[in-house]
Amino acid sequence: MLGEQPGGRIERNYIQSPTRCLYADDGSAYWTISGNVVDPLVNSKQGKAKGSKVWLYVWTPRIHDLKIVGNYTTTAAVQNKGTNCVPVGTRVEDPLSAQARAIADDAGLENDYEDIALPLLGNQ
């Protein structure tokens, strides 16, 4: 997320990353973040989570007024120093429910880029 974006939406994505999965840049505001499936990965080189498997990283009070609602994640870990950025209705699931898997399956990359995707955990 970058900057003030009234009406901006980040929704129905499947995100796997060994670091901060949903990262709000300094000054981000007025975004809606909903219905995403967020799965922080373990850093395989170190055999441990890099950072702390944080699914949401809102690192400064200058990030404000984010509507964070109805997301799925495999960890409850967040860093939230934002102003008026309280996650609501977050579902922590491991393994992921059928509803979360359906979002992940539908998210995907465009056909031309599918070869760069990591497999959905559990489908390997």
N, C-alpha and C. Protein backbone atom coordinates (compact mmCIF):
# COMPACT_ATOMS: atom_id res chain seq x y z
N MET A 1 0.84 -1.16 0.00
CA MET A 1 0.00 0.00 0.00
C MET A 1 0.89 1.23 0.00
N LEU A 2 0.46 2.22 -0.69
CA LEU A 2 1.27 3.43 -0.76
C LEU A 2 0.36 4.64 -0.75
N GLY A 3 0.52 5.47 0.26
CA GLY A 3 -0.15 6.75 0.31
C GLY A 3 -1.63 6.69 0.63
N GLU A 4 -2.24 7.86 0.61
CA GLU A 4 -3.67 7.98 0.86
C GLU A 4 -4.42 7.57 -0.40
N GLN A 5 -5.30 6.59 -0.26
CA GLN A 5 -6.05 6.08 -1.41
C GLN A 5 -7.51 5.87 -1.01
N PRO A 6 -8.28 6.93 -0.83
CA PRO A 6 -9.70 6.74 -0.51
C PRO A 6 -10.35 5.84 -1.56
N GLY A 7 -10.99 4.78 -1.07
CA GLY A 7 -11.62 3.82 -1.99
C GLY A 7 -10.67 2.74 -2.49
N GLY A 8 -9.38 2.82 -2.16
CA GLY A 8 -8.43 1.79 -2.59
C GLY A 8 -8.73 0.47 -1.91
N ARG A 9 -8.58 -0.64 -2.65
CA ARG A 9 -8.94 -1.95 -2.12
C ARG A 9 -7.83 -2.96 -2.40
N ILE A 10 -7.55 -3.77 -1.40
CA ILE A 10 -6.68 -4.93 -1.54
C ILE A 10 -7.53 -6.09 -1.05
N GLU A 11 -8.01 -6.90 -1.98
CA GLU A 11 -8.95 -7.93 -1.57
C GLU A 11 -8.83 -9.20 -2.41
N ARG A 12 -9.14 -10.32 -1.73
CA ARG A 12 -9.21 -11.65 -2.34
C ARG A 12 -7.89 -12.05 -3.00
N ASN A 13 -6.78 -11.78 -2.29
CA ASN A 13 -5.45 -12.20 -2.73
C ASN A 13 -4.99 -13.36 -1.87
N TYR A 14 -4.05 -14.14 -2.42
CA TYR A 14 -3.37 -15.17 -1.66
C TYR A 14 -1.91 -14.74 -1.57
N ILE A 15 -1.43 -14.55 -0.35
CA ILE A 15 -0.09 -14.00 -0.13
C ILE A 15 0.73 -14.95 0.72
N GLN A 16 1.87 -15.40 0.18
CA GLN A 16 2.85 -16.18 0.93
C GLN A 16 4.16 -15.42 0.88
N SER A 17 4.80 -15.25 2.03
CA SER A 17 6.08 -14.53 2.06
C SER A 17 6.78 -14.86 3.37
N PRO A 18 8.13 -14.93 3.35
CA PRO A 18 8.85 -15.15 4.59
C PRO A 18 9.04 -13.87 5.41
N THR A 19 8.57 -12.75 4.91
CA THR A 19 8.70 -11.49 5.65
C THR A 19 7.32 -10.87 5.82
N ARG A 20 7.22 -9.58 5.83
CA ARG A 20 5.96 -8.87 6.08
C ARG A 20 5.02 -9.04 4.90
N CYS A 21 3.95 -9.76 5.09
CA CYS A 21 3.06 -10.10 3.98
C CYS A 21 2.23 -8.91 3.49
N LEU A 22 1.52 -8.26 4.38
CA LEU A 22 0.78 -7.05 4.03
C LEU A 22 1.48 -5.88 4.70
N TYR A 23 2.11 -5.06 3.89
CA TYR A 23 2.97 -3.98 4.38
C TYR A 23 2.39 -2.64 3.95
N ALA A 24 2.10 -1.81 4.92
CA ALA A 24 1.61 -0.46 4.62
C ALA A 24 2.79 0.51 4.68
N ASP A 25 3.01 1.24 3.61
CA ASP A 25 4.09 2.22 3.56
C ASP A 25 3.72 3.44 4.41
N ASP A 26 4.73 4.20 4.77
CA ASP A 26 4.55 5.39 5.59
C ASP A 26 3.50 6.31 4.96
N GLY A 27 2.50 6.68 5.73
CA GLY A 27 1.47 7.59 5.25
C GLY A 27 0.30 6.92 4.56
N SER A 28 0.31 5.59 4.47
CA SER A 28 -0.82 4.91 3.84
C SER A 28 -2.09 5.18 4.64
N ALA A 29 -3.19 5.39 3.93
CA ALA A 29 -4.46 5.70 4.59
C ALA A 29 -5.64 5.41 3.67
N TYR A 30 -6.77 5.12 4.30
CA TYR A 30 -8.07 4.98 3.64
C TYR A 30 -8.17 3.78 2.70
N TRP A 31 -7.33 2.76 2.89
CA TRP A 31 -7.42 1.52 2.14
C TRP A 31 -8.40 0.58 2.83
N THR A 32 -9.03 -0.29 2.06
CA THR A 32 -9.79 -1.41 2.60
C THR A 32 -9.02 -2.68 2.24
N ILE A 33 -8.72 -3.49 3.25
CA ILE A 33 -7.96 -4.73 3.08
C ILE A 33 -8.88 -5.85 3.55
N SER A 34 -9.44 -6.62 2.61
CA SER A 34 -10.46 -7.58 3.02
C SER A 34 -10.42 -8.86 2.20
N GLY A 35 -10.81 -9.95 2.87
CA GLY A 35 -10.97 -11.23 2.20
C GLY A 35 -9.69 -11.81 1.64
N ASN A 36 -8.54 -11.45 2.18
CA ASN A 36 -7.27 -11.99 1.72
C ASN A 36 -6.90 -13.23 2.52
N VAL A 37 -6.08 -14.08 1.93
CA VAL A 37 -5.52 -15.24 2.61
C VAL A 37 -4.03 -14.99 2.72
N VAL A 38 -3.53 -14.91 3.96
CA VAL A 38 -2.15 -14.51 4.21
C VAL A 38 -1.44 -15.64 4.95
N ASP A 39 -0.34 -16.12 4.35
CA ASP A 39 0.38 -17.27 4.91
C ASP A 39 1.87 -16.95 4.98
N PRO A 40 2.33 -16.39 6.10
CA PRO A 40 3.76 -16.13 6.24
C PRO A 40 4.54 -17.45 6.21
N LEU A 41 5.52 -17.53 5.34
CA LEU A 41 6.32 -18.75 5.19
C LEU A 41 7.49 -18.76 6.16
N VAL A 42 7.93 -19.95 6.48
CA VAL A 42 9.16 -20.12 7.24
C VAL A 42 10.32 -19.96 6.28
N ASN A 43 11.34 -19.22 6.69
CA ASN A 43 12.54 -19.04 5.87
C ASN A 43 13.30 -20.36 5.85
N SER A 44 13.28 -21.05 4.71
CA SER A 44 13.84 -22.40 4.64
C SER A 44 15.35 -22.44 4.82
N LYS A 45 16.07 -21.36 4.48
CA LYS A 45 17.52 -21.35 4.66
C LYS A 45 17.90 -21.35 6.13
N GLN A 46 17.13 -20.65 6.95
CA GLN A 46 17.44 -20.54 8.36
C GLN A 46 16.65 -21.52 9.21
N GLY A 47 15.62 -22.14 8.63
CA GLY A 47 14.80 -23.07 9.36
C GLY A 47 13.93 -22.41 10.42
N LYS A 48 13.80 -21.11 10.34
CA LYS A 48 12.95 -20.40 11.29
C LYS A 48 12.29 -19.24 10.57
N ALA A 49 11.30 -18.69 11.18
CA ALA A 49 10.61 -17.56 10.56
C ALA A 49 11.51 -16.34 10.57
N LYS A 50 11.57 -15.67 9.44
CA LYS A 50 12.28 -14.40 9.37
C LYS A 50 11.33 -13.34 9.90
N GLY A 51 11.81 -12.45 10.71
CA GLY A 51 10.90 -11.54 11.40
C GLY A 51 10.18 -12.36 12.45
N SER A 52 8.89 -12.34 12.46
CA SER A 52 8.15 -13.20 13.39
C SER A 52 6.88 -13.73 12.75
N LYS A 53 6.95 -14.04 11.47
CA LYS A 53 5.78 -14.53 10.74
C LYS A 53 4.62 -13.55 10.86
N VAL A 54 4.90 -12.30 10.68
CA VAL A 54 3.89 -11.24 10.79
C VAL A 54 3.07 -11.19 9.50
N TRP A 55 1.74 -11.28 9.64
CA TRP A 55 0.91 -11.22 8.43
C TRP A 55 0.52 -9.79 8.08
N LEU A 56 0.53 -8.90 9.07
CA LEU A 56 0.17 -7.50 8.85
C LEU A 56 1.22 -6.62 9.50
N TYR A 57 1.80 -5.71 8.73
CA TYR A 57 2.87 -4.85 9.22
C TYR A 57 2.49 -3.40 9.01
N VAL A 58 1.97 -2.80 10.07
CA VAL A 58 1.59 -1.38 10.08
C VAL A 58 2.48 -0.75 11.14
N TRP A 59 3.56 -0.14 10.71
CA TRP A 59 4.71 0.11 11.58
C TRP A 59 4.82 1.50 12.18
N THR A 60 3.93 2.41 11.84
CA THR A 60 4.04 3.77 12.35
C THR A 60 2.65 4.39 12.52
N PRO A 61 2.48 5.27 13.49
CA PRO A 61 1.19 5.96 13.65
C PRO A 61 0.81 6.84 12.46
N ARG A 62 1.76 7.14 11.59
CA ARG A 62 1.45 7.95 10.40
C ARG A 62 0.64 7.15 9.38
N ILE A 63 0.56 5.83 9.55
CA ILE A 63 -0.35 5.00 8.76
C ILE A 63 -1.69 5.04 9.50
N HIS A 64 -2.75 5.39 8.79
CA HIS A 64 -4.00 5.60 9.51
C HIS A 64 -5.23 5.24 8.68
N ASP A 65 -6.29 4.97 9.40
CA ASP A 65 -7.62 4.75 8.81
C ASP A 65 -7.63 3.66 7.76
N LEU A 66 -7.02 2.53 8.08
CA LEU A 66 -7.12 1.35 7.23
C LEU A 66 -8.29 0.50 7.73
N LYS A 67 -9.12 0.05 6.82
CA LYS A 67 -10.21 -0.87 7.17
C LYS A 67 -9.70 -2.27 6.85
N ILE A 68 -9.43 -3.06 7.89
CA ILE A 68 -8.83 -4.40 7.76
C ILE A 68 -9.87 -5.39 8.26
N VAL A 69 -10.55 -6.06 7.34
CA VAL A 69 -11.72 -6.84 7.75
C VAL A 69 -11.82 -8.18 7.00
N GLY A 70 -12.10 -9.24 7.77
CA GLY A 70 -12.43 -10.53 7.18
C GLY A 70 -11.30 -11.21 6.43
N ASN A 71 -10.09 -11.10 6.93
CA ASN A 71 -8.95 -11.78 6.30
C ASN A 71 -8.70 -13.11 6.97
N TYR A 72 -8.02 -14.02 6.27
CA TYR A 72 -7.61 -15.31 6.78
C TYR A 72 -6.10 -15.32 6.90
N THR A 73 -5.58 -15.95 7.95
CA THR A 73 -4.14 -16.04 8.13
C THR A 73 -3.78 -17.30 8.91
N THR A 74 -2.56 -17.76 8.76
CA THR A 74 -2.10 -18.93 9.50
C THR A 74 -1.41 -18.55 10.80
N THR A 75 -1.32 -17.26 11.10
CA THR A 75 -0.71 -16.79 12.34
C THR A 75 -1.44 -15.55 12.84
N ALA A 76 -1.48 -15.38 14.13
CA ALA A 76 -2.11 -14.19 14.70
C ALA A 76 -1.13 -13.03 14.81
N ALA A 77 0.16 -13.24 14.50
CA ALA A 77 1.19 -12.23 14.71
C ALA A 77 1.02 -11.03 13.77
N VAL A 78 0.94 -9.85 14.36
CA VAL A 78 0.88 -8.60 13.61
C VAL A 78 1.81 -7.59 14.27
N GLN A 79 2.19 -6.59 13.50
CA GLN A 79 2.77 -5.40 14.09
C GLN A 79 1.85 -4.28 13.67
N ASN A 80 1.19 -3.67 14.65
CA ASN A 80 0.21 -2.65 14.33
C ASN A 80 0.40 -1.45 15.25
N LYS A 81 1.11 -0.45 14.73
CA LYS A 81 1.30 0.82 15.43
C LYS A 81 0.49 1.92 14.76
N GLY A 82 -0.38 1.53 13.83
CA GLY A 82 -1.16 2.51 13.08
C GLY A 82 -2.23 3.18 13.91
N THR A 83 -2.80 4.22 13.35
CA THR A 83 -3.88 4.97 13.97
C THR A 83 -5.18 4.58 13.29
N ASN A 84 -6.12 4.05 14.07
CA ASN A 84 -7.41 3.61 13.54
C ASN A 84 -7.23 2.53 12.46
N CYS A 85 -6.47 1.51 12.80
CA CYS A 85 -6.16 0.41 11.87
C CYS A 85 -6.37 -0.94 12.56
N VAL A 86 -7.52 -1.17 13.14
CA VAL A 86 -7.76 -2.37 13.92
C VAL A 86 -8.33 -3.48 13.03
N PRO A 87 -7.62 -4.63 12.93
CA PRO A 87 -8.19 -5.76 12.17
C PRO A 87 -9.46 -6.28 12.85
N VAL A 88 -10.47 -6.56 12.03
CA VAL A 88 -11.75 -7.06 12.52
C VAL A 88 -12.09 -8.34 11.76
N GLY A 89 -12.54 -9.34 12.49
CA GLY A 89 -13.00 -10.57 11.84
C GLY A 89 -11.91 -11.39 11.21
N THR A 90 -10.68 -11.27 11.70
CA THR A 90 -9.57 -12.07 11.17
C THR A 90 -9.74 -13.51 11.62
N ARG A 91 -9.59 -14.44 10.70
CA ARG A 91 -9.68 -15.86 11.01
C ARG A 91 -8.29 -16.47 10.95
N VAL A 92 -7.81 -16.97 12.09
CA VAL A 92 -6.52 -17.65 12.15
C VAL A 92 -6.79 -19.14 11.96
N GLU A 93 -6.26 -19.69 10.87
CA GLU A 93 -6.54 -21.08 10.50
C GLU A 93 -5.26 -21.77 10.02
N ASP A 94 -5.01 -22.94 10.56
CA ASP A 94 -3.89 -23.76 10.07
C ASP A 94 -4.21 -25.21 10.43
N PRO A 95 -4.72 -25.95 9.46
CA PRO A 95 -4.75 -25.67 8.03
C PRO A 95 -5.88 -24.71 7.65
N LEU A 96 -5.78 -24.22 6.43
CA LEU A 96 -6.77 -23.27 5.93
C LEU A 96 -8.11 -23.96 5.70
N SER A 97 -9.19 -23.25 5.96
CA SER A 97 -10.54 -23.76 5.73
C SER A 97 -10.83 -23.82 4.23
N ALA A 98 -11.95 -24.47 3.92
CA ALA A 98 -12.38 -24.56 2.52
C ALA A 98 -12.63 -23.16 1.95
N GLN A 99 -13.18 -22.25 2.77
CA GLN A 99 -13.45 -20.88 2.29
C GLN A 99 -12.14 -20.16 1.95
N ALA A 100 -11.13 -20.29 2.81
CA ALA A 100 -9.84 -19.64 2.55
C ALA A 100 -9.17 -20.26 1.33
N ARG A 101 -9.23 -21.58 1.22
CA ARG A 101 -8.61 -22.24 0.06
C ARG A 101 -9.28 -21.81 -1.25
N ALA A 102 -10.59 -21.61 -1.21
CA ALA A 102 -11.30 -21.16 -2.41
C ALA A 102 -10.81 -19.77 -2.84
N ILE A 103 -10.61 -18.88 -1.88
CA ILE A 103 -10.06 -17.55 -2.21
C ILE A 103 -8.67 -17.71 -2.80
N ALA A 104 -7.83 -18.52 -2.16
CA ALA A 104 -6.46 -18.72 -2.64
C ALA A 104 -6.45 -19.31 -4.05
N ASP A 105 -7.30 -20.29 -4.28
CA ASP A 105 -7.36 -20.92 -5.60
C ASP A 105 -7.84 -19.95 -6.67
N ASP A 106 -8.78 -19.09 -6.33
CA ASP A 106 -9.31 -18.12 -7.29
C ASP A 106 -8.36 -16.95 -7.53
N ALA A 107 -7.50 -16.64 -6.56
CA ALA A 107 -6.63 -15.47 -6.66
C ALA A 107 -5.67 -15.63 -7.83
N GLY A 108 -4.71 -16.49 -7.70
CA GLY A 108 -3.79 -16.84 -8.77
C GLY A 108 -3.24 -15.72 -9.62
N LEU A 109 -2.29 -16.09 -10.41
CA LEU A 109 -1.70 -15.19 -11.38
C LEU A 109 -2.39 -15.35 -12.72
N GLU A 110 -2.22 -14.37 -13.56
CA GLU A 110 -2.69 -14.51 -14.93
C GLU A 110 -1.97 -15.69 -15.56
N ASN A 111 -2.61 -16.33 -16.53
CA ASN A 111 -2.06 -17.55 -17.13
C ASN A 111 -0.61 -17.41 -17.57
N ASP A 112 -0.23 -16.28 -18.12
CA ASP A 112 1.13 -16.08 -18.62
C ASP A 112 2.18 -16.12 -17.52
N TYR A 113 1.78 -15.99 -16.26
CA TYR A 113 2.73 -15.91 -15.15
C TYR A 113 2.59 -17.05 -14.14
N GLU A 114 1.75 -18.03 -14.40
CA GLU A 114 1.51 -19.10 -13.44
C GLU A 114 2.75 -19.90 -13.09
N ASP A 115 3.73 -19.97 -13.97
CA ASP A 115 4.93 -20.77 -13.70
C ASP A 115 5.81 -20.19 -12.60
N ILE A 116 5.59 -18.95 -12.17
CA ILE A 116 6.43 -18.37 -11.11
C ILE A 116 5.81 -18.51 -9.73
N ALA A 117 4.59 -19.07 -9.64
CA ALA A 117 3.89 -19.16 -8.36
C ALA A 117 4.40 -20.32 -7.52
N LEU A 118 4.40 -20.11 -6.20
CA LEU A 118 4.65 -21.20 -5.26
C LEU A 118 3.37 -22.02 -5.15
N PRO A 119 3.48 -23.33 -4.94
CA PRO A 119 2.26 -24.13 -4.78
C PRO A 119 1.56 -23.79 -3.47
N LEU A 120 0.24 -23.92 -3.47
CA LEU A 120 -0.55 -23.72 -2.26
C LEU A 120 -0.16 -24.81 -1.28
N LEU A 121 0.18 -24.44 -0.06
CA LEU A 121 0.57 -25.43 0.95
C LEU A 121 -0.53 -26.47 1.08
N GLY A 122 -0.11 -27.73 1.17
CA GLY A 122 -1.06 -28.82 1.24
C GLY A 122 -1.37 -29.42 -0.11
N ASN A 123 -1.00 -28.73 -1.18
CA ASN A 123 -1.20 -29.23 -2.54
C ASN A 123 0.11 -29.63 -3.20
N GLN A 124 1.14 -29.82 -2.40
CA GLN A 124 2.46 -30.12 -2.96
C GLN A 124 2.64 -31.59 -3.20
